[in-house]
Amino acid sequence: MGGPCSNLVANNFTMESSNNSMLRRLVEERRACQETKHDMLGLLMNGGEENRYNLTDEEIIDQMIAILYSGYETVFTQKTYYIRFLLEI
């Protein structure tokens, strides 16, 4: 009964460590690539000319999680208000 999403049904600790290992692998692969990409991960890793901070891999992973979860929570909250509004009509 396993599948690509079978590890998503777990407690928060398991999900967090699973996500962190996936993100850590992504950061390691990007560092090994030695190619500069102009996306969010590339900006977090290289920073560009205006960034004077060098983030550690842990800080990059924390930033990625914050960006992913903040987008999820925003959409979830917005849908909840839409449903509540529709139920009140």
PDB file of N, CA and C in Angstrom:
ATOM      1  N   MET A   1       0.821  -1.195   0.000  1.00  0.00           N
ATOM      2  CA  MET A   1       0.000   0.000   0.000  1.00  0.00           C
ATOM      3  C   MET A   1       0.860   1.253   0.000  1.00  0.00           C
ATOM      4  N   GLY A   2       2.156   1.063  -0.134  1.00  0.00           N
ATOM      5  CA  GLY A   2       3.037   2.215  -0.202  1.00  0.00           C
ATOM      6  C   GLY A   2       2.931   2.878  -1.561  1.00  0.00           C
ATOM      7  N   GLY A   3       3.393   4.038  -1.651  1.00  0.00           N
ATOM      8  CA  GLY A   3       3.367   4.776  -2.898  1.00  0.00           C
ATOM      9  C   GLY A   3       4.222   6.005  -2.732  1.00  0.00           C
ATOM     10  N   PRO A   4       4.203   6.871  -3.713  1.00  0.00           N
ATOM     11  CA  PRO A   4       5.060   8.052  -3.602  1.00  0.00           C
ATOM     12  C   PRO A   4       4.679   8.974  -2.458  1.00  0.00           C
ATOM     13  N   CYS A   5       3.444   8.884  -2.002  1.00  0.00           N
ATOM     14  CA  CYS A   5       3.001   9.781  -0.924  1.00  0.00           C
ATOM     15  C   CYS A   5       2.769   9.030   0.377  1.00  0.00           C
ATOM     16  N   SER A   6       3.181   7.765   0.461  1.00  0.00           N
ATOM     17  CA  SER A   6       2.894   6.994   1.667  1.00  0.00           C
ATOM     18  C   SER A   6       3.606   7.540   2.895  1.00  0.00           C
ATOM     19  N   ASN A   7       4.741   8.204   2.717  1.00  0.00           N
ATOM     20  CA  ASN A   7       5.449   8.745   3.878  1.00  0.00           C
ATOM     21  C   ASN A   7       4.818  10.041   4.379  1.00  0.00           C
ATOM     22  N   LEU A   8       3.789  10.549   3.700  1.00  0.00           N
ATOM     23  CA  LEU A   8       3.136  11.768   4.159  1.00  0.00           C
ATOM     24  C   LEU A   8       2.194  11.509   5.329  1.00  0.00           C
ATOM     25  N   VAL A   9       1.753  10.248   5.487  1.00  0.00           N
ATOM     26  CA  VAL A   9       0.875   9.913   6.595  1.00  0.00           C
ATOM     27  C   VAL A   9       1.762   9.522   7.767  1.00  0.00           C
ATOM     28  N   ALA A  10       2.115  10.515   8.549  1.00  0.00           N
ATOM     29  CA  ALA A  10       3.020  10.298   9.672  1.00  0.00           C
ATOM     30  C   ALA A  10       2.837  11.435  10.659  1.00  0.00           C
ATOM     31  N   ASN A  11       3.528  11.349  11.768  1.00  0.00           N
ATOM     32  CA  ASN A  11       3.437  12.449  12.720  1.00  0.00           C
ATOM     33  C   ASN A  11       4.304  13.618  12.252  1.00  0.00           C
ATOM     34  N   ASN A  12       4.191  14.733  12.925  1.00  0.00           N
ATOM     35  CA  ASN A  12       4.914  15.934  12.502  1.00  0.00           C
ATOM     36  C   ASN A  12       6.418  15.747  12.524  1.00  0.00           C
ATOM     37  N   PHE A  13       6.932  15.027  13.508  1.00  0.00           N
ATOM     38  CA  PHE A  13       8.374  14.841  13.590  1.00  0.00           C
ATOM     39  C   PHE A  13       8.893  14.060  12.386  1.00  0.00           C
ATOM     40  N   THR A  14       8.195  12.985  12.024  1.00  0.00           N
ATOM     41  CA  THR A  14       8.606  12.181  10.879  1.00  0.00           C
ATOM     42  C   THR A  14       8.523  12.988   9.601  1.00  0.00           C
ATOM     43  N   MET A  15       7.438  13.745   9.436  1.00  0.00           N
ATOM     44  CA  MET A  15       7.295  14.549   8.228  1.00  0.00           C
ATOM     45  C   MET A  15       8.375  15.607   8.160  1.00  0.00           C
ATOM     46  N   GLU A  16       8.681  16.233   9.289  1.00  0.00           N
ATOM     47  CA  GLU A  16       9.688  17.290   9.293  1.00  0.00           C
ATOM     48  C   GLU A  16      11.056  16.728   8.935  1.00  0.00           C
ATOM     49  N   SER A  17      11.444  15.616   9.531  1.00  0.00           N
ATOM     50  CA  SER A  17      12.755  15.057   9.229  1.00  0.00           C
ATOM     51  C   SER A  17      12.812  14.534   7.798  1.00  0.00           C
ATOM     52  N   SER A  18      11.694  14.002   7.288  1.00  0.00           N
ATOM     53  CA  SER A  18      11.644  13.538   5.903  1.00  0.00           C
ATOM     54  C   SER A  18      11.785  14.705   4.941  1.00  0.00           C
ATOM     55  N   ASN A  19      11.070  15.802   5.213  1.00  0.00           N
ATOM     56  CA  ASN A  19      11.171  16.994   4.371  1.00  0.00           C
ATOM     57  C   ASN A  19      12.564  17.588   4.428  1.00  0.00           C
ATOM     58  N   ASN A  20      13.149  17.629   5.622  1.00  0.00           N
ATOM     59  CA  ASN A  20      14.487  18.190   5.760  1.00  0.00           C
ATOM     60  C   ASN A  20      15.504  17.384   4.970  1.00  0.00           C
ATOM     61  N   SER A  21      15.399  16.054   5.002  1.00  0.00           N
ATOM     62  CA  SER A  21      16.361  15.242   4.260  1.00  0.00           C
ATOM     63  C   SER A  21      16.182  15.435   2.759  1.00  0.00           C
ATOM     64  N   MET A  22      14.947  15.594   2.307  1.00  0.00           N
ATOM     65  CA  MET A  22      14.705  15.834   0.889  1.00  0.00           C
ATOM     66  C   MET A  22      15.280  17.191   0.480  1.00  0.00           C
ATOM     67  N   LEU A  23      15.046  18.212   1.290  1.00  0.00           N
ATOM     68  CA  LEU A  23      15.565  19.537   0.986  1.00  0.00           C
ATOM     69  C   LEU A  23      17.087  19.574   1.089  1.00  0.00           C
ATOM     70  N   ARG A  24      17.632  18.861   2.069  1.00  0.00           N
ATOM     71  CA  ARG A  24      19.087  18.800   2.217  1.00  0.00           C
ATOM     72  C   ARG A  24      19.714  18.154   0.975  1.00  0.00           C
ATOM     73  N   ARG A  25      19.092  17.096   0.475  1.00  0.00           N
ATOM     74  CA  ARG A  25      19.589  16.431  -0.724  1.00  0.00           C
ATOM     75  C   ARG A  25      19.530  17.379  -1.923  1.00  0.00           C
ATOM     76  N   LEU A  26      18.455  18.166  -2.008  1.00  0.00           N
ATOM     77  CA  LEU A  26      18.309  19.131  -3.090  1.00  0.00           C
ATOM     78  C   LEU A  26      19.422  20.187  -3.039  1.00  0.00           C
ATOM     79  N   VAL A  27      19.710  20.697  -1.848  1.00  0.00           N
ATOM     80  CA  VAL A  27      20.766  21.696  -1.689  1.00  0.00           C
ATOM     81  C   VAL A  27      22.124  21.084  -2.034  1.00  0.00           C
ATOM     82  N   GLU A  28      22.376  19.859  -1.569  1.00  0.00           N
ATOM     83  CA  GLU A  28      23.655  19.205  -1.861  1.00  0.00           C
ATOM     84  C   GLU A  28      23.832  18.963  -3.357  1.00  0.00           C
ATOM     85  N   GLU A  29      22.756  18.539  -4.036  1.00  0.00           N
ATOM     86  CA  GLU A  29      22.833  18.319  -5.480  1.00  0.00           C
ATOM     87  C   GLU A  29      23.102  19.624  -6.218  1.00  0.00           C
ATOM     88  N   ARG A  30      22.465  20.693  -5.757  1.00  0.00           N
ATOM     89  CA  ARG A  30      22.677  21.992  -6.414  1.00  0.00           C
ATOM     90  C   ARG A  30      24.100  22.478  -6.199  1.00  0.00           C
ATOM     91  N   ARG A  31      24.645  22.285  -4.993  1.00  0.00           N
ATOM     92  CA  ARG A  31      26.027  22.697  -4.743  1.00  0.00           C
ATOM     93  C   ARG A  31      27.005  21.885  -5.601  1.00  0.00           C
ATOM     94  N   ALA A  32      26.726  20.594  -5.760  1.00  0.00           N
ATOM     95  CA  ALA A  32      27.606  19.739  -6.561  1.00  0.00           C
ATOM     96  C   ALA A  32      27.541  20.097  -8.044  1.00  0.00           C
ATOM     97  N   CYS A  33      26.440  20.665  -8.480  1.00  0.00           N
ATOM     98  CA  CYS A  33      26.229  21.008  -9.879  1.00  0.00           C
ATOM     99  C   CYS A  33      27.158  22.121 -10.340  1.00  0.00           C
ATOM    100  N   GLN A  34      27.506  23.036  -9.449  1.00  0.00           N
ATOM    101  CA  GLN A  34      28.383  24.168  -9.755  1.00  0.00           C
ATOM    102  C   GLN A  34      27.814  25.106 -10.814  1.00  0.00           C
ATOM    103  N   GLU A  35      26.553  24.966 -11.119  1.00  0.00           N
ATOM    104  CA  GLU A  35      25.911  25.846 -12.106  1.00  0.00           C
ATOM    105  C   GLU A  35      25.030  26.843 -11.358  1.00  0.00           C
ATOM    106  N   THR A  36      25.142  28.114 -11.692  1.00  0.00           N
ATOM    107  CA  THR A  36      24.327  29.138 -11.061  1.00  0.00           C
ATOM    108  C   THR A  36      22.979  29.204 -11.755  1.00  0.00           C
ATOM    109  N   LYS A  37      21.930  29.001 -10.991  1.00  0.00           N
ATOM    110  CA  LYS A  37      20.576  29.089 -11.535  1.00  0.00           C
ATOM    111  C   LYS A  37      19.897  30.301 -10.927  1.00  0.00           C
ATOM    112  N   HIS A  38      19.039  30.910 -11.694  1.00  0.00           N
ATOM    113  CA  HIS A  38      18.356  32.124 -11.254  1.00  0.00           C
ATOM    114  C   HIS A  38      16.944  31.790 -10.791  1.00  0.00           C
ATOM    115  N   ASP A  39      16.861  31.069  -9.688  1.00  0.00           N
ATOM    116  CA  ASP A  39      15.591  30.748  -9.063  1.00  0.00           C
ATOM    117  C   ASP A  39      15.728  31.014  -7.564  1.00  0.00           C
ATOM    118  N   MET A  40      14.696  30.673  -6.800  1.00  0.00           N
ATOM    119  CA  MET A  40      14.705  30.981  -5.373  1.00  0.00           C
ATOM    120  C   MET A  40      15.858  30.285  -4.656  1.00  0.00           C
ATOM    121  N   LEU A  41      16.083  29.007  -4.960  1.00  0.00           N
ATOM    122  CA  LEU A  41      17.175  28.290  -4.315  1.00  0.00           C
ATOM    123  C   LEU A  41      18.523  28.891  -4.698  1.00  0.00           C
ATOM    124  N   GLY A  42      18.669  29.257  -5.961  1.00  0.00           N
ATOM    125  CA  GLY A  42      19.909  29.888  -6.398  1.00  0.00           C
ATOM    126  C   GLY A  42      20.177  31.193  -5.673  1.00  0.00           C
ATOM    127  N   LEU A  43      19.126  31.976  -5.457  1.00  0.00           N
ATOM    128  CA  LEU A  43      19.291  33.235  -4.728  1.00  0.00           C
ATOM    129  C   LEU A  43      19.648  32.995  -3.260  1.00  0.00           C
ATOM    130  N   LEU A  44      19.033  31.978  -2.664  1.00  0.00           N
ATOM    131  CA  LEU A  44      19.362  31.679  -1.268  1.00  0.00           C
ATOM    132  C   LEU A  44      20.791  31.170  -1.125  1.00  0.00           C
ATOM    133  N   MET A  45      21.241  30.414  -2.109  1.00  0.00           N
ATOM    134  CA  MET A  45      22.583  29.830  -2.024  1.00  0.00           C
ATOM    135  C   MET A  45      23.678  30.825  -2.395  1.00  0.00           C
ATOM    136  N   ASN A  46      23.443  31.604  -3.447  1.00  0.00           N
ATOM    137  CA  ASN A  46      24.479  32.500  -3.948  1.00  0.00           C
ATOM    138  C   ASN A  46      24.252  33.945  -3.547  1.00  0.00           C
ATOM    139  N   GLY A  47      23.027  34.329  -3.413  1.00  0.00           N
ATOM    140  CA  GLY A  47      22.698  35.652  -2.928  1.00  0.00           C
ATOM    141  C   GLY A  47      22.738  36.767  -3.936  1.00  0.00           C
ATOM    142  N   GLY A  48      23.539  36.662  -4.923  1.00  0.00           N
ATOM    143  CA  GLY A  48      23.638  37.762  -5.868  1.00  0.00           C
ATOM    144  C   GLY A  48      24.534  38.861  -5.333  1.00  0.00           C
ATOM    145  N   GLU A  49      24.633  39.929  -6.068  1.00  0.00           N
ATOM    146  CA  GLU A  49      25.541  41.012  -5.703  1.00  0.00           C
ATOM    147  C   GLU A  49      25.078  41.784  -4.476  1.00  0.00           C
ATOM    148  N   GLU A  50      23.763  41.915  -4.302  1.00  0.00           N
ATOM    149  CA  GLU A  50      23.270  42.733  -3.200  1.00  0.00           C
ATOM    150  C   GLU A  50      23.208  41.980  -1.869  1.00  0.00           C
ATOM    151  N   ASN A  51      23.445  40.671  -1.877  1.00  0.00           N
ATOM    152  CA  ASN A  51      23.393  39.897  -0.645  1.00  0.00           C
ATOM    153  C   ASN A  51      24.784  39.798  -0.037  1.00  0.00           C
ATOM    154  N   ARG A  52      24.930  40.270   1.169  1.00  0.00           N
ATOM    155  CA  ARG A  52      26.240  40.218   1.826  1.00  0.00           C
ATOM    156  C   ARG A  52      26.309  39.084   2.847  1.00  0.00           C
ATOM    157  N   TYR A  53      25.241  38.273   2.927  1.00  0.00           N
ATOM    158  CA  TYR A  53      25.190  37.182   3.887  1.00  0.00           C
ATOM    159  C   TYR A  53      25.431  35.857   3.183  1.00  0.00           C
ATOM    160  N   ASN A  54      26.209  35.018   3.799  1.00  0.00           N
ATOM    161  CA  ASN A  54      26.395  33.655   3.314  1.00  0.00           C
ATOM    162  C   ASN A  54      25.616  32.737   4.233  1.00  0.00           C
ATOM    163  N   LEU A  55      24.547  32.156   3.718  1.00  0.00           N
ATOM    164  CA  LEU A  55      23.697  31.289   4.523  1.00  0.00           C
ATOM    165  C   LEU A  55      24.275  29.884   4.576  1.00  0.00           C
ATOM    166  N   THR A  56      24.150  29.251   5.741  1.00  0.00           N
ATOM    167  CA  THR A  56      24.526  27.845   5.860  1.00  0.00           C
ATOM    168  C   THR A  56      23.444  26.998   5.211  1.00  0.00           C
ATOM    169  N   ASP A  57      23.729  25.721   4.999  1.00  0.00           N
ATOM    170  CA  ASP A  57      22.729  24.829   4.416  1.00  0.00           C
ATOM    171  C   ASP A  57      21.493  24.743   5.307  1.00  0.00           C
ATOM    172  N   GLU A  58      21.690  24.711   6.612  1.00  0.00           N
ATOM    173  CA  GLU A  58      20.550  24.659   7.548  1.00  0.00           C
ATOM    174  C   GLU A  58      19.687  25.912   7.431  1.00  0.00           C
ATOM    175  N   GLU A  59      20.312  27.063   7.298  1.00  0.00           N
ATOM    176  CA  GLU A  59      19.554  28.310   7.144  1.00  0.00           C
ATOM    177  C   GLU A  59      18.799  28.338   5.812  1.00  0.00           C
ATOM    178  N   ILE A  60      19.412  27.808   4.775  1.00  0.00           N
ATOM    179  CA  ILE A  60      18.736  27.734   3.476  1.00  0.00           C
ATOM    180  C   ILE A  60      17.521  26.823   3.569  1.00  0.00           C
ATOM    181  N   ILE A  61      17.674  25.678   4.217  1.00  0.00           N
ATOM    182  CA  ILE A  61      16.559  24.742   4.381  1.00  0.00           C
ATOM    183  C   ILE A  61      15.452  25.376   5.208  1.00  0.00           C
ATOM    184  N   ASP A  62      15.800  26.082   6.275  1.00  0.00           N
ATOM    185  CA  ASP A  62      14.806  26.771   7.099  1.00  0.00           C
ATOM    186  C   ASP A  62      14.042  27.808   6.280  1.00  0.00           C
ATOM    187  N   GLN A  63      14.749  28.547   5.445  1.00  0.00           N
ATOM    188  CA  GLN A  63      14.097  29.553   4.599  1.00  0.00           C
ATOM    189  C   GLN A  63      13.157  28.892   3.585  1.00  0.00           C
ATOM    190  N   MET A  64      13.592  27.777   3.000  1.00  0.00           N
ATOM    191  CA  MET A  64      12.752  27.068   2.037  1.00  0.00           C
ATOM    192  C   MET A  64      11.470  26.562   2.695  1.00  0.00           C
ATOM    193  N   ILE A  65      11.594  26.016   3.900  1.00  0.00           N
ATOM    194  CA  ILE A  65      10.419  25.525   4.630  1.00  0.00           C
ATOM    195  C   ILE A  65       9.485  26.685   4.952  1.00  0.00           C
ATOM    196  N   ALA A  66      10.041  27.803   5.388  1.00  0.00           N
ATOM    197  CA  ALA A  66       9.209  28.970   5.706  1.00  0.00           C
ATOM    198  C   ALA A  66       8.458  29.451   4.470  1.00  0.00           C
ATOM    199  N   ILE A  67       9.125  29.488   3.324  1.00  0.00           N
ATOM    200  CA  ILE A  67       8.479  29.937   2.089  1.00  0.00           C
ATOM    201  C   ILE A  67       7.384  28.962   1.675  1.00  0.00           C
ATOM    202  N   LEU A  68       7.667  27.665   1.726  1.00  0.00           N
ATOM    203  CA  LEU A  68       6.676  26.664   1.324  1.00  0.00           C
ATOM    204  C   LEU A  68       5.459  26.670   2.240  1.00  0.00           C
ATOM    205  N   TYR A  69       5.688  26.680   3.558  1.00  0.00           N
ATOM    206  CA  TYR A  69       4.576  26.649   4.497  1.00  0.00           C
ATOM    207  C   TYR A  69       3.778  27.946   4.502  1.00  0.00           C
ATOM    208  N   SER A  70       4.436  29.068   4.297  1.00  0.00           N
ATOM    209  CA  SER A  70       3.691  30.324   4.308  1.00  0.00           C
ATOM    210  C   SER A  70       2.741  30.390   3.117  1.00  0.00           C
ATOM    211  N   GLY A  71       3.150  29.890   1.975  1.00  0.00           N
ATOM    212  CA  GLY A  71       2.255  29.841   0.820  1.00  0.00           C
ATOM    213  C   GLY A  71       1.099  28.896   1.054  1.00  0.00           C
ATOM    214  N   TYR A  72       1.369  27.759   1.687  1.00  0.00           N
ATOM    215  CA  TYR A  72       0.324  26.783   1.977  1.00  0.00           C
ATOM    216  C   TYR A  72      -0.690  27.362   2.953  1.00  0.00           C
ATOM    217  N   GLU A  73      -0.217  27.951   4.022  1.00  0.00           N
ATOM    218  CA  GLU A  73      -1.117  28.502   5.028  1.00  0.00           C
ATOM    219  C   GLU A  73      -1.962  29.636   4.467  1.00  0.00           C
ATOM    220  N   THR A  74      -1.397  30.463   3.623  1.00  0.00           N
ATOM    221  CA  THR A  74      -2.139  31.570   3.044  1.00  0.00           C
ATOM    222  C   THR A  74      -3.291  31.063   2.188  1.00  0.00           C
ATOM    223  N   VAL A  75      -3.018  30.096   1.328  1.00  0.00           N
ATOM    224  CA  VAL A  75      -4.054  29.536   0.459  1.00  0.00           C
ATOM    225  C   VAL A  75      -5.106  28.814   1.289  1.00  0.00           C
ATOM    226  N   PHE A  76      -4.670  28.043   2.279  1.00  0.00           N
ATOM    227  CA  PHE A  76      -5.604  27.309   3.128  1.00  0.00           C
ATOM    228  C   PHE A  76      -6.531  28.264   3.875  1.00  0.00           C
ATOM    229  N   THR A  77      -5.973  29.320   4.437  1.00  0.00           N
ATOM    230  CA  THR A  77      -6.780  30.297   5.172  1.00  0.00           C
ATOM    231  C   THR A  77      -7.765  30.988   4.244  1.00  0.00           C
ATOM    232  N   GLN A  78      -7.315  31.346   3.066  1.00  0.00           N
ATOM    233  CA  GLN A  78      -8.190  32.009   2.103  1.00  0.00           C
ATOM    234  C   GLN A  78      -9.352  31.098   1.704  1.00  0.00           C
ATOM    235  N   LYS A  79      -9.090  29.843   1.446  1.00  0.00           N
ATOM    236  CA  LYS A  79     -10.164  28.904   1.083  1.00  0.00           C
ATOM    237  C   LYS A  79     -11.137  28.718   2.244  1.00  0.00           C
ATOM    238  N   THR A  80     -10.624  28.695   3.456  1.00  0.00           N
ATOM    239  CA  THR A  80     -11.492  28.546   4.627  1.00  0.00           C
ATOM    240  C   THR A  80     -12.457  29.724   4.733  1.00  0.00           C
ATOM    241  N   TYR A  81     -11.963  30.928   4.525  1.00  0.00           N
ATOM    242  CA  TYR A  81     -12.843  32.096   4.567  1.00  0.00           C
ATOM    243  C   TYR A  81     -13.855  32.088   3.437  1.00  0.00           C
ATOM    244  N   TYR A  82     -13.461  31.626   2.256  1.00  0.00           N
ATOM    245  CA  TYR A  82     -14.408  31.523   1.136  1.00  0.00           C
ATOM    246  C   TYR A  82     -15.538  30.569   1.482  1.00  0.00           C
ATOM    247  N   ILE A  83     -15.188  29.413   2.024  1.00  0.00           N
ATOM    248  CA  ILE A  83     -16.222  28.433   2.377  1.00  0.00           C
ATOM    249  C   ILE A  83     -17.122  28.991   3.467  1.00  0.00           C
ATOM    250  N   ARG A  84     -16.539  29.629   4.446  1.00  0.00           N
ATOM    251  CA  ARG A  84     -17.348  30.219   5.527  1.00  0.00           C
ATOM    252  C   ARG A  84     -18.280  31.271   4.958  1.00  0.00           C
ATOM    253  N   PHE A  85     -17.782  32.110   4.071  1.00  0.00           N
ATOM    254  CA  PHE A  85     -18.601  33.151   3.459  1.00  0.00           C
ATOM    255  C   PHE A  85     -19.744  32.531   2.658  1.00  0.00           C
ATOM    256  N   LEU A  86     -19.463  31.493   1.893  1.00  0.00           N
ATOM    257  CA  LEU A  86     -20.493  30.845   1.088  1.00  0.00           C
ATOM    258  C   LEU A  86     -21.546  30.180   1.954  1.00  0.00           C
ATOM    259  N   LEU A  87     -21.153  29.631   3.086  1.00  0.00           N
ATOM    260  CA  LEU A  87     -22.111  28.999   3.984  1.00  0.00           C
ATOM    261  C   LEU A  87     -23.016  30.034   4.667  1.00  0.00           C
ATOM    262  N   GLU A  88     -22.541  31.252   4.819  1.00  0.00           N
ATOM    263  CA  GLU A  88     -23.342  32.281   5.488  1.00  0.00           C
ATOM    264  C   GLU A  88     -24.333  32.937   4.546  1.00  0.00           C
ATOM    265  N   ILE A  89     -24.173  32.754   3.256  1.00  0.00           N
ATOM    266  CA  ILE A  89     -25.087  33.405   2.295  1.00  0.00           C
ATOM    267  C   ILE A  89     -26.448  32.747   2.329  1.00  0.00           C
TER     268      ILE A  89
END
